[in-house]
């Protein structure tokens, strides 16, 4: 799906904060076939990744000055009024970790922790709306929140971003599907004791043509398979992977 404008609350951009940006670039270009373009900055390059000559997200190196950034994948959600949304987030129990910041004429951003500590970002577009598409091959197609208290988390995001939801039964487990403007864009699941001490977090899903081949390729490139390719009836086949520096992401081959 090609996108020219993101409406309030929809995921619009992904960024990888990498300890070693060079290593990350090599991993993901080999895995997804992304094309990269560096934008020089005083603190280092900000690298756009593209599919079919269309920008989809970015990779950058975490510096010592970025103590508010946890290395890994970050998901941006579009907002029409950043300052108003930040007020709603604080009222709902969230924390503004950095921002709001102006990013040239591209727009304004802020980095947030929700009421349970999961991090995400907000984007109020100027000249840059976000990713050129959603759901195409080798691009973001779904976002998922793993949390301890889904009821509390859903209340937080409904108050902050106005999301709608519906409760589903998937493989015998309760799954909350997230919707905005009649578009299903993500989900929410409850972390059990089996998750150990893993923190609440957002997970990006990238659509691929063959999840089994992608998982095998990730291992060849120095990554790890956290959850092996697994079938979800009526949805597709997915896997959870670590890149060569430990950043977690998921890949999925959709059945439709």
Protein backbone atom coordinates (compact mmCIF):
# COMPACT_ATOMS: atom_id res chain seq x y z
CA UNK A 1 0.00 0.00 0.00
CA UNK A 2 1.49 3.31 -1.12
CA UNK A 3 1.11 6.16 1.38
CA UNK A 4 1.26 9.90 0.73
CA UNK A 5 -0.13 11.01 4.10
CA UNK A 6 -0.34 9.27 7.47
CA UNK A 7 -3.40 9.92 9.60
CA UNK A 8 -3.32 10.41 13.37
CA UNK A 9 -2.04 7.37 15.28
CA UNK A 10 -0.80 5.22 12.41
CA UNK A 11 2.75 3.80 12.30
CA UNK A 12 4.67 5.92 9.81
CA UNK A 13 8.43 5.27 10.14
CA UNK A 14 11.00 2.85 11.56
CA UNK A 15 14.49 3.60 12.81
CA UNK A 16 17.25 1.28 13.89
CA UNK A 17 19.50 2.70 16.62
CA UNK A 18 22.65 0.62 16.17
CA UNK A 19 25.80 0.32 18.24
CA UNK A 20 27.74 -0.34 15.02
CA UNK A 21 25.94 1.32 12.12
CA UNK A 22 28.29 -0.15 9.51
CA UNK A 23 27.61 -3.68 10.66
CA UNK A 24 23.87 -3.00 10.75
CA UNK A 25 23.90 -1.66 7.20
CA UNK A 26 25.69 -4.77 5.94
CA UNK A 27 23.25 -7.07 7.72
CA UNK A 28 20.02 -5.50 6.51
CA UNK A 29 21.08 -4.78 2.95
CA UNK A 30 22.04 -8.45 2.63
CA UNK A 31 18.85 -9.64 4.32
CA UNK A 32 16.22 -7.38 2.72
CA UNK A 33 18.00 -5.93 -0.31
CA UNK A 34 17.57 -2.38 0.97
CA UNK A 35 19.28 0.52 -0.80
CA UNK A 36 21.03 2.96 1.54
CA UNK A 37 21.73 6.68 1.35
CA UNK A 38 23.74 8.53 4.01
CA UNK A 39 22.70 12.00 5.18
CA UNK A 40 25.74 13.58 6.91
CA UNK A 41 25.05 15.09 10.33
CA UNK A 42 27.39 16.74 12.90
CA UNK A 43 27.01 13.73 15.20
CA UNK A 44 27.33 11.16 12.39
CA UNK A 45 25.43 9.91 9.36
CA UNK A 46 21.70 9.27 9.34
CA UNK A 47 21.15 6.55 6.77
CA UNK A 48 17.86 6.22 4.89
CA UNK A 49 16.93 2.74 3.69
CA UNK A 50 14.81 2.40 0.58
CA UNK A 51 12.89 -0.23 -1.36
CA UNK A 52 12.32 0.36 -5.07
CA UNK A 53 13.85 3.85 -4.71
CA UNK A 54 11.31 4.84 -2.03
CA UNK A 55 12.37 5.77 1.52
CA UNK A 56 11.02 3.42 4.19
CA UNK A 57 13.05 4.11 7.35
CA UNK A 58 16.51 4.79 8.69
CA UNK A 59 19.57 3.47 10.51
CA UNK A 60 21.84 5.53 12.74
CA UNK A 61 24.65 5.01 15.24
CA UNK A 62 24.00 5.50 18.96
CA UNK A 63 26.55 7.89 20.44
CA UNK A 64 27.60 8.41 24.07
CA UNK A 65 25.49 11.58 24.16
CA UNK A 66 22.30 9.63 23.36
CA UNK A 67 21.68 8.29 26.85
CA UNK A 68 17.92 8.45 26.19
CA UNK A 69 18.19 5.92 23.33
CA UNK A 70 18.07 2.15 23.82
CA UNK A 71 19.77 0.37 20.88
CA UNK A 72 17.24 -1.45 18.73
CA UNK A 73 14.27 -0.78 16.48
CA UNK A 74 12.04 2.24 17.13
CA UNK A 75 8.56 2.73 15.69
CA UNK A 76 7.15 6.19 14.94
CA UNK A 77 3.42 6.99 15.08
CA UNK A 78 2.00 9.94 13.18
CA UNK A 79 0.31 12.79 15.07
CA UNK A 80 -1.29 16.00 13.85
CA UNK A 81 -0.48 18.04 16.98
CA UNK A 82 2.65 16.85 18.76
CA UNK A 83 2.44 19.19 21.75
CA UNK A 84 -1.17 18.27 22.45
CA UNK A 85 -0.36 14.56 22.19
CA UNK A 86 2.57 14.94 24.61
CA UNK A 87 0.18 16.47 27.11
CA UNK A 88 -2.19 13.51 26.74
CA UNK A 89 0.72 11.10 27.15
CA UNK A 90 1.80 12.70 30.42
CA UNK A 91 -1.78 12.65 31.71
CA UNK A 92 -1.99 8.92 30.86
CA UNK A 93 1.20 8.11 32.80
CA UNK A 94 3.76 8.13 29.99
CA UNK A 95 7.19 9.77 30.00
CA UNK A 96 8.65 12.06 27.34
CA UNK A 97 12.24 10.83 27.06
CA UNK A 98 13.37 13.47 24.58
CA UNK A 99 11.74 16.23 22.55
CA UNK A 100 9.83 17.74 21.07
CA UNK A 101 12.58 18.43 18.52
CA UNK A 102 12.36 20.10 15.14
CA UNK A 103 14.04 18.06 12.40
CA UNK A 104 14.77 20.77 9.84
CA UNK A 105 11.77 21.27 7.59
CA UNK A 106 10.95 17.54 7.71
CA UNK A 107 8.84 17.72 10.87
CA UNK A 108 8.88 17.42 14.65
CA UNK A 109 9.55 14.33 16.78
CA UNK A 110 9.62 13.08 20.35
CA UNK A 111 10.66 9.81 22.00
CA UNK A 112 8.27 8.34 24.58
CA UNK A 113 8.04 5.60 27.19
CA UNK A 114 4.50 4.36 27.78
CA UNK A 115 3.03 3.67 31.22
CA UNK A 116 4.77 0.26 31.33
CA UNK A 117 8.09 1.47 29.92
CA UNK A 118 7.83 0.41 26.25
CA UNK A 119 9.49 3.00 24.02
CA UNK A 120 8.11 4.50 20.82
CA UNK A 121 8.35 7.77 18.90
CA UNK A 122 5.93 10.37 17.61
CA UNK A 123 6.14 12.28 14.33
CA UNK A 124 4.34 15.45 13.31
CA UNK A 125 5.06 15.74 9.61
CA UNK A 126 6.34 18.83 7.87
CA UNK A 127 7.77 18.13 4.43
CA UNK A 128 8.41 14.46 5.24
CA UNK A 129 5.33 12.30 5.81
CA UNK A 130 7.18 9.07 6.62
CA UNK A 131 7.64 5.75 4.87
CA UNK A 132 6.54 5.65 1.25
CA UNK A 133 4.52 2.48 1.76
CA UNK A 134 3.14 0.09 4.36
CA UNK A 135 2.83 -3.66 3.86
CA UNK A 136 4.91 -4.06 0.71
CA UNK A 137 7.65 -6.72 0.44
CA UNK A 138 10.69 -5.95 2.63
CA UNK A 139 8.89 -3.06 4.37
CA UNK A 140 7.03 -2.61 7.64
CA UNK A 141 3.65 -4.37 7.57
CA UNK A 142 2.60 -4.68 11.25
CA UNK A 143 3.57 -3.44 14.72
CA UNK A 144 3.04 -5.34 17.95
CA UNK A 145 3.20 -4.43 21.63
CA UNK A 146 4.21 -7.15 24.10
CA UNK A 147 3.27 -6.00 27.61
CA UNK A 148 2.41 -7.29 31.08
CA UNK A 149 -0.92 -5.50 31.43
CA UNK A 150 -2.80 -5.22 28.10
CA UNK A 151 -5.83 -3.58 29.71
CA UNK A 152 -3.70 -0.77 31.13
CA UNK A 153 -1.69 -0.47 27.91
CA UNK A 154 -4.79 -0.24 25.74
CA UNK A 155 -6.23 2.47 27.98
CA UNK A 156 -2.96 4.42 27.70
CA UNK A 157 -2.89 4.35 23.90
CA UNK A 158 -6.59 5.01 23.50
CA UNK A 159 -6.23 8.10 25.66
CA UNK A 160 -3.01 9.23 23.94
CA UNK A 161 -3.56 8.31 20.29
CA UNK A 162 -7.25 7.44 20.02
CA UNK A 163 -6.85 3.85 18.84
CA UNK A 164 -9.71 1.40 18.47
CA UNK A 165 -9.34 -2.32 19.18
CA UNK A 166 -10.98 -5.69 18.96
CA UNK A 167 -10.35 -8.86 20.94
CA UNK A 168 -9.37 -12.00 18.99
CA UNK A 169 -8.64 -15.63 19.79
CA UNK A 170 -5.42 -16.67 18.01
CA UNK A 171 -4.03 -20.17 18.49
CA UNK A 172 -5.84 -20.40 21.84
CA UNK A 173 -4.48 -17.08 23.09
CA UNK A 174 -6.15 -13.70 23.47
CA UNK A 175 -4.82 -11.13 21.01
CA UNK A 176 -5.86 -7.48 20.82
CA UNK A 177 -5.93 -6.14 17.27
CA UNK A 178 -5.30 -2.40 16.99
CA UNK A 179 -7.17 -0.25 14.48
CA UNK A 180 -7.24 3.38 13.43
CA UNK A 181 -9.37 4.96 10.71
CA UNK A 182 -10.79 1.46 9.92
CA UNK A 183 -7.27 0.16 9.24
CA UNK A 184 -5.83 -2.72 11.25
CA UNK A 185 -2.16 -1.87 11.70
CA UNK A 186 -0.94 -3.80 14.75
CA UNK A 187 -1.65 -5.85 17.80
CA UNK A 188 -1.08 -6.31 21.50
CA UNK A 189 -0.30 -9.47 23.44
CA UNK A 190 0.24 -10.25 27.10
CA UNK A 191 3.68 -11.30 28.30
CA UNK A 192 3.51 -14.29 30.67
CA UNK A 193 6.03 -15.56 33.20
CA UNK A 194 7.59 -17.58 30.36
CA UNK A 195 9.01 -14.31 29.00
CA UNK A 196 11.29 -13.99 32.02
CA UNK A 197 12.63 -10.50 32.70
CA UNK A 198 12.15 -9.17 29.15
CA UNK A 199 10.80 -5.63 29.26
CA UNK A 200 7.59 -4.49 27.61
CA UNK A 201 8.42 -3.50 24.02
CA UNK A 202 7.21 -2.69 20.52
CA UNK A 203 8.08 -5.11 17.71
CA UNK A 204 8.22 -4.24 13.99
CA UNK A 205 7.16 -6.87 11.46
CA UNK A 206 8.67 -6.78 7.97
CA UNK A 207 6.92 -8.58 5.14
CA UNK A 208 9.07 -11.08 3.23
CA UNK A 209 8.47 -13.48 0.36
CA UNK A 210 9.73 -16.57 2.20
CA UNK A 211 10.11 -16.45 5.97
CA UNK A 212 12.06 -19.71 6.16
CA UNK A 213 14.70 -18.51 3.72
CA UNK A 214 14.88 -15.12 5.46
CA UNK A 215 15.43 -16.73 8.87
CA UNK A 216 18.16 -18.96 7.48
CA UNK A 217 19.82 -15.99 5.79
CA UNK A 218 19.74 -13.99 9.03
CA UNK A 219 21.69 -16.77 10.74
CA UNK A 220 24.24 -16.82 7.93
CA UNK A 221 24.74 -13.08 8.48
CA UNK A 222 25.44 -13.49 12.19
CA UNK A 223 21.91 -13.08 13.52
CA UNK A 224 19.86 -15.48 15.63
CA UNK A 225 16.44 -17.06 15.34
CA UNK A 226 14.52 -16.36 18.58
CA UNK A 227 11.23 -17.91 17.41
CA UNK A 228 11.57 -20.29 14.44
CA UNK A 229 9.25 -19.97 11.43
CA UNK A 230 5.77 -20.69 12.75
CA UNK A 231 2.39 -20.89 11.04
CA UNK A 232 -0.50 -18.69 12.22
CA UNK A 233 -3.70 -20.09 10.76
CA UNK A 234 -5.38 -17.68 8.39
CA UNK A 235 -2.59 -15.11 8.70
CA UNK A 236 0.73 -16.48 7.46
CA UNK A 237 4.08 -17.70 8.67
CA UNK A 238 6.32 -15.62 10.94
CA UNK A 239 9.64 -15.71 12.78
CA UNK A 240 11.28 -13.55 15.45
CA UNK A 241 14.93 -12.73 14.75
CA UNK A 242 17.90 -10.96 16.32
CA UNK A 243 20.22 -9.08 14.02
CA UNK A 244 24.00 -9.40 14.33
CA UNK A 245 24.00 -6.88 17.23
CA UNK A 246 21.00 -8.25 19.08
CA UNK A 247 18.25 -5.92 17.84
CA UNK A 248 14.95 -7.83 17.75
CA UNK A 249 12.50 -7.77 14.84
CA UNK A 250 10.01 -10.07 13.18
CA UNK A 251 9.46 -11.19 9.61
CA UNK A 252 6.27 -12.60 8.14
CA UNK A 253 5.06 -14.16 4.92
CA UNK A 254 1.37 -13.42 4.62
CA UNK A 255 -1.01 -16.09 3.38
CA UNK A 256 -3.08 -13.55 1.41
